[in-house]
C-alpha atoms as a PDB file:
ATOM      1  CA  MET A   1       0.034  -0.043   0.164  1.00  0.00           C
ATOM      2  CA  LYS A   2       1.065   3.252  -0.969  1.00  0.00           C
ATOM      3  CA  HIS A   3       0.717   6.339   1.494  1.00  0.00           C
ATOM      4  CA  LEU A   4       0.346   9.877   0.213  1.00  0.00           C
ATOM      5  CA  THR A   5      -0.216  12.989   1.783  1.00  0.00           C
ATOM      6  CA  PRO A   6      -3.834  14.918   1.322  1.00  0.00           C
ATOM      7  CA  LYS A   7      -1.597  17.392  -0.884  1.00  0.00           C
ATOM      8  CA  GLN A   8       0.162  14.399  -2.579  1.00  0.00           C
ATOM      9  CA  ALA A   9      -3.120  12.267  -3.427  1.00  0.00           C
ATOM     10  CA  TRP A  10      -4.805  14.915  -4.847  1.00  0.00           C
ATOM     11  CA  SER A  11      -1.853  15.473  -7.389  1.00  0.00           C
ATOM     12  CA  TRP A  12      -1.532  11.872  -8.087  1.00  0.00           C
ATOM     13  CA  LEU A  13      -5.102  11.682  -8.671  1.00  0.00           C
ATOM     14  CA  GLN A  14      -5.018  14.509 -11.089  1.00  0.00           C
ATOM     15  CA  ALA A  15      -2.342  13.468 -12.790  1.00  0.00           C
ATOM     16  CA  GLU A  16      -3.380   9.444 -13.119  1.00  0.00           C
ATOM     17  CA  THR A  17      -6.533  10.408 -14.374  1.00  0.00           C
ATOM     18  CA  ALA A  18      -5.327  12.450 -16.890  1.00  0.00           C
ATOM     19  CA  ARG A  19      -3.013   9.813 -17.772  1.00  0.00           C
ATOM     20  CA  ARG A  20      -5.519   6.773 -17.909  1.00  0.00           C
ATOM     21  CA  THR A  21      -7.888   9.088 -19.720  1.00  0.00           C
ATOM     22  CA  ALA A  22      -5.828   9.504 -22.413  1.00  0.00           C
ATOM     23  CA  GLU A  23      -5.232   6.219 -22.499  1.00  0.00           C
ATOM     24  CA  GLY A  24      -8.352   5.010 -22.997  1.00  0.00           C
ATOM     25  CA  GLN A  25      -8.558   3.364 -19.284  1.00  0.00           C
ATOM     26  CA  GLU A  26     -10.663   4.028 -16.229  1.00  0.00           C
ATOM     27  CA  ALA A  27      -9.901   6.891 -13.906  1.00  0.00           C
ATOM     28  CA  PRO A  28      -8.774   5.608 -10.268  1.00  0.00           C
ATOM     29  CA  LEU A  29     -11.289   4.622  -7.688  1.00  0.00           C
ATOM     30  CA  PHE A  30     -11.122   7.377  -5.212  1.00  0.00           C
ATOM     31  CA  VAL A  31     -13.128   5.572  -1.925  1.00  0.00           C
ATOM     32  CA  ASP A  32     -14.322   7.206   1.227  1.00  0.00           C
ATOM     33  CA  VAL A  33     -14.159   4.703   4.014  1.00  0.00           C
ATOM     34  CA  ARG A  34     -16.193   6.470   6.187  1.00  0.00           C
ATOM     35  CA  MET A  35     -19.587   5.688   7.435  1.00  0.00           C
ATOM     36  CA  GLU A  36     -22.148   7.238   5.035  1.00  0.00           C
ATOM     37  CA  ILE A  37     -23.281  10.141   7.257  1.00  0.00           C
ATOM     38  CA  GLU A  38     -20.031  11.225   8.201  1.00  0.00           C
ATOM     39  CA  SER A  39     -18.942  11.654   4.048  1.00  0.00           C
ATOM     40  CA  LEU A  40     -22.363  13.671   3.507  1.00  0.00           C
ATOM     41  CA  TYR A  41     -22.423  15.962   6.476  1.00  0.00           C
ATOM     42  CA  VAL A  42     -18.900  16.478   7.227  1.00  0.00           C
ATOM     43  CA  GLY A  43     -17.694  17.134   3.959  1.00  0.00           C
ATOM     44  CA  ARG A  44     -15.563  14.595   1.022  1.00  0.00           C
ATOM     45  CA  PRO A  45     -13.599  15.477  -2.052  1.00  0.00           C
ATOM     46  CA  PRO A  46     -15.251  15.948  -4.892  1.00  0.00           C
ATOM     47  CA  GLY A  47     -15.860  12.332  -7.202  1.00  0.00           C
ATOM     48  CA  VAL A  48     -15.020  10.078  -4.257  1.00  0.00           C
ATOM     49  CA  ASN A  49     -17.712   6.704  -3.928  1.00  0.00           C
ATOM     50  CA  ASN A  50     -18.707   6.053  -0.406  1.00  0.00           C
ATOM     51  CA  ILE A  51     -17.971   2.660   0.456  1.00  0.00           C
ATOM     52  CA  PRO A  52     -17.859   2.458   4.031  1.00  0.00           C
ATOM     53  CA  TRP A  53     -15.787   0.124   5.719  1.00  0.00           C
ATOM     54  CA  TYR A  54     -18.284  -0.270   8.736  1.00  0.00           C
ATOM     55  CA  GLU A  55     -21.512   1.162   8.770  1.00  0.00           C
ATOM     56  CA  TYR A  56     -24.474   2.306  11.930  1.00  0.00           C
ATOM     57  CA  PRO A  57     -25.569   0.539  13.657  1.00  0.00           C
ATOM     58  CA  ASP A  58     -23.329  -2.546  13.750  1.00  0.00           C
ATOM     59  CA  LEU A  59     -20.043  -0.549  13.362  1.00  0.00           C
ATOM     60  CA  ARG A  60     -18.200  -3.727  12.742  1.00  0.00           C
ATOM     61  CA  PRO A  61     -16.220  -4.168   9.254  1.00  0.00           C
ATOM     62  CA  ASP A  62     -16.614  -6.877   7.142  1.00  0.00           C
ATOM     63  CA  ALA A  63     -13.870  -7.339   5.355  1.00  0.00           C
ATOM     64  CA  ALA A  64     -14.962  -9.462   2.609  1.00  0.00           C
ATOM     65  CA  ARG A  65     -18.054  -7.666   2.244  1.00  0.00           C
ATOM     66  CA  PHE A  66     -16.246  -4.167   1.949  1.00  0.00           C
ATOM     67  CA  ALA A  67     -13.627  -5.697  -0.702  1.00  0.00           C
ATOM     68  CA  ASP A  68     -16.616  -7.484  -2.778  1.00  0.00           C
ATOM     69  CA  ALA A  69     -18.215  -3.586  -2.708  1.00  0.00           C
ATOM     70  CA  VAL A  70     -15.005  -1.841  -3.584  1.00  0.00           C
ATOM     71  CA  ALA A  71     -14.466  -4.614  -6.644  1.00  0.00           C
ATOM     72  CA  ALA A  72     -18.055  -4.254  -8.023  1.00  0.00           C
ATOM     73  CA  GLU A  73     -17.324  -0.714  -8.458  1.00  0.00           C
ATOM     74  CA  ALA A  74     -13.849  -1.034  -9.620  1.00  0.00           C
ATOM     75  CA  GLY A  75     -14.678  -3.210 -12.180  1.00  0.00           C
ATOM     76  CA  ASP A  76     -11.189  -5.233 -12.234  1.00  0.00           C
ATOM     77  CA  ARG A  77      -9.137  -5.424  -9.359  1.00  0.00           C
ATOM     78  CA  ARG A  78      -5.885  -4.106 -10.939  1.00  0.00           C
ATOM     79  CA  ARG A  79      -7.551  -0.005 -11.517  1.00  0.00           C
ATOM     80  CA  PRO A  80      -5.814   1.608  -8.967  1.00  0.00           C
ATOM     81  CA  VAL A  81      -7.965   2.907  -5.572  1.00  0.00           C
ATOM     82  CA  ILE A  82      -7.055   5.253  -3.558  1.00  0.00           C
ATOM     83  CA  LEU A  83      -8.859   5.418   0.119  1.00  0.00           C
ATOM     84  CA  ILE A  84      -9.696   8.425   2.658  1.00  0.00           C
ATOM     85  CA  CYS A  85     -11.286   8.046   5.705  1.00  0.00           C
ATOM     86  CA  ARG A  86     -11.059  11.115   8.973  1.00  0.00           C
ATOM     87  CA  SER A  87      -7.771  10.172  10.163  1.00  0.00           C
ATOM     88  CA  GLY A  88      -5.566   7.932   8.028  1.00  0.00           C
ATOM     89  CA  LYS A  89      -6.477   5.178  10.088  1.00  0.00           C
ATOM     90  CA  ARG A  90      -9.384   3.304   8.765  1.00  0.00           C
ATOM     91  CA  THR A  91      -8.060   3.446   5.537  1.00  0.00           C
ATOM     92  CA  LEU A  92      -5.343   1.216   6.670  1.00  0.00           C
ATOM     93  CA  ASP A  93      -7.100  -2.021   7.818  1.00  0.00           C
ATOM     94  CA  ALA A  94      -9.399  -1.116   4.284  1.00  0.00           C
ATOM     95  CA  GLY A  95      -6.391  -1.331   2.175  1.00  0.00           C
ATOM     96  CA  ALA A  96      -4.697  -4.558   3.544  1.00  0.00           C
ATOM     97  CA  ALA A  97      -8.142  -6.088   3.125  1.00  0.00           C
ATOM     98  CA  LEU A  98      -8.476  -5.147  -0.494  1.00  0.00           C
ATOM     99  CA  GLU A  99      -4.720  -6.023  -0.946  1.00  0.00           C
ATOM    100  CA  ALA A 100      -5.471  -9.387   0.464  1.00  0.00           C
ATOM    101  CA  ALA A 101      -8.519  -9.769  -1.366  1.00  0.00           C
ATOM    102  CA  GLY A 102      -5.990  -9.165  -4.874  1.00  0.00           C
ATOM    103  CA  PHE A 103      -6.028  -5.440  -5.492  1.00  0.00           C
ATOM    104  CA  THR A 104      -2.687  -4.740  -7.021  1.00  0.00           C
ATOM    105  CA  GLU A 105      -2.277  -0.823  -6.896  1.00  0.00           C
ATOM    106  CA  VAL A 106      -3.715   0.275  -3.340  1.00  0.00           C
ATOM    107  CA  LEU A 107      -3.287   3.907  -1.941  1.00  0.00           C
ATOM    108  CA  HIS A 108      -4.277   5.984   0.968  1.00  0.00           C
ATOM    109  CA  VAL A 109      -4.340   8.992   1.715  1.00  0.00           C
ATOM    110  CA  VAL A 110      -2.346   9.965   5.080  1.00  0.00           C
ATOM    111  CA  HIS A 111      -3.933  11.810   7.968  1.00  0.00           C
ATOM    112  CA  GLY A 112      -7.472  11.653   6.047  1.00  0.00           C
ATOM    113  CA  PHE A 113     -10.231  14.348   5.101  1.00  0.00           C
ATOM    114  CA  GLU A 114      -9.751  15.960   8.883  1.00  0.00           C
ATOM    115  CA  GLY A 115      -6.646  14.882   9.963  1.00  0.00           C
ATOM    116  CA  ASP A 116      -5.212  14.437  13.604  1.00  0.00           C
ATOM    117  CA  LEU A 117      -6.420  15.767  16.927  1.00  0.00           C
ATOM    118  CA  ASN A 118      -4.601  18.761  17.848  1.00  0.00           C
ATOM    119  CA  ASP A 119      -4.162  19.458  22.003  1.00  0.00           C
ATOM    120  CA  THR A 120      -7.821  20.535  22.438  1.00  0.00           C
ATOM    121  CA  PHE A 121      -9.210  17.353  20.647  1.00  0.00           C
ATOM    122  CA  LYS A 122      -9.946  19.070  17.577  1.00  0.00           C
ATOM    123  CA  ARG A 123      -9.531  18.116  13.998  1.00  0.00           C
ATOM    124  CA  SER A 124      -8.865  20.044  10.792  1.00  0.00           C
ATOM    125  CA  SER A 125      -6.006  22.500  12.341  1.00  0.00           C
ATOM    126  CA  LEU A 126      -3.084  20.339  12.227  1.00  0.00           C
ATOM    127  CA  ASN A 127      -3.620  18.500   9.188  1.00  0.00           C
ATOM    128  CA  GLY A 128      -5.691  16.280   6.391  1.00  0.00           C
ATOM    129  CA  TRP A 129      -7.466  17.153   3.495  1.00  0.00           C
ATOM    130  CA  ARG A 130      -9.493  20.496   4.618  1.00  0.00           C
ATOM    131  CA  TYR A 131      -6.800  21.508   6.680  1.00  0.00           C
ATOM    132  CA  ASP A 132      -4.608  21.380   3.254  1.00  0.00           C
ATOM    133  CA  GLY A 133      -7.100  23.140   1.335  1.00  0.00           C
ATOM    134  CA  LEU A 134      -8.173  21.099  -0.858  1.00  0.00           C
ATOM    135  CA  PRO A 135     -11.524  21.005  -2.967  1.00  0.00           C
ATOM    136  CA  TRP A 136     -14.373  19.365  -0.775  1.00  0.00           C
ATOM    137  CA  GLU A 137     -17.845  19.397  -0.733  1.00  0.00           C
ATOM    138  CA  GLN A 138     -20.506  19.132   2.177  1.00  0.00           C
ATOM    139  CA  MET A 139     -24.032  18.603   2.523  1.00  0.00           C
END
């Protein structure tokens, strides 16, 4: 699994999408592994697909279900998949599950969308997608 900062991830995504499109291939699949409610109401990068690593009310990951859902969206396990979550923790487990399921190019966004907690337990103040001023949308 490759580890990219938010800025690196955005640059890679733009360049790889342009390259693959020029070659007649599908763009990388950008997956938000947070619960749907998090993705919709906290905010998310534009064009991201929400495929939760776990969901309410169970709040338990099901690696096989997740990998199957990503495979259905990707269409090909060789298609690059880049993962984002709140802080970059869930994506490590989700990415490992994808690699175990045969995905060949898995990347994750270090620090995720909201980043690490600061000394007063607030996010988006030290690092992360939103902190870096990258494009995002919110319901």
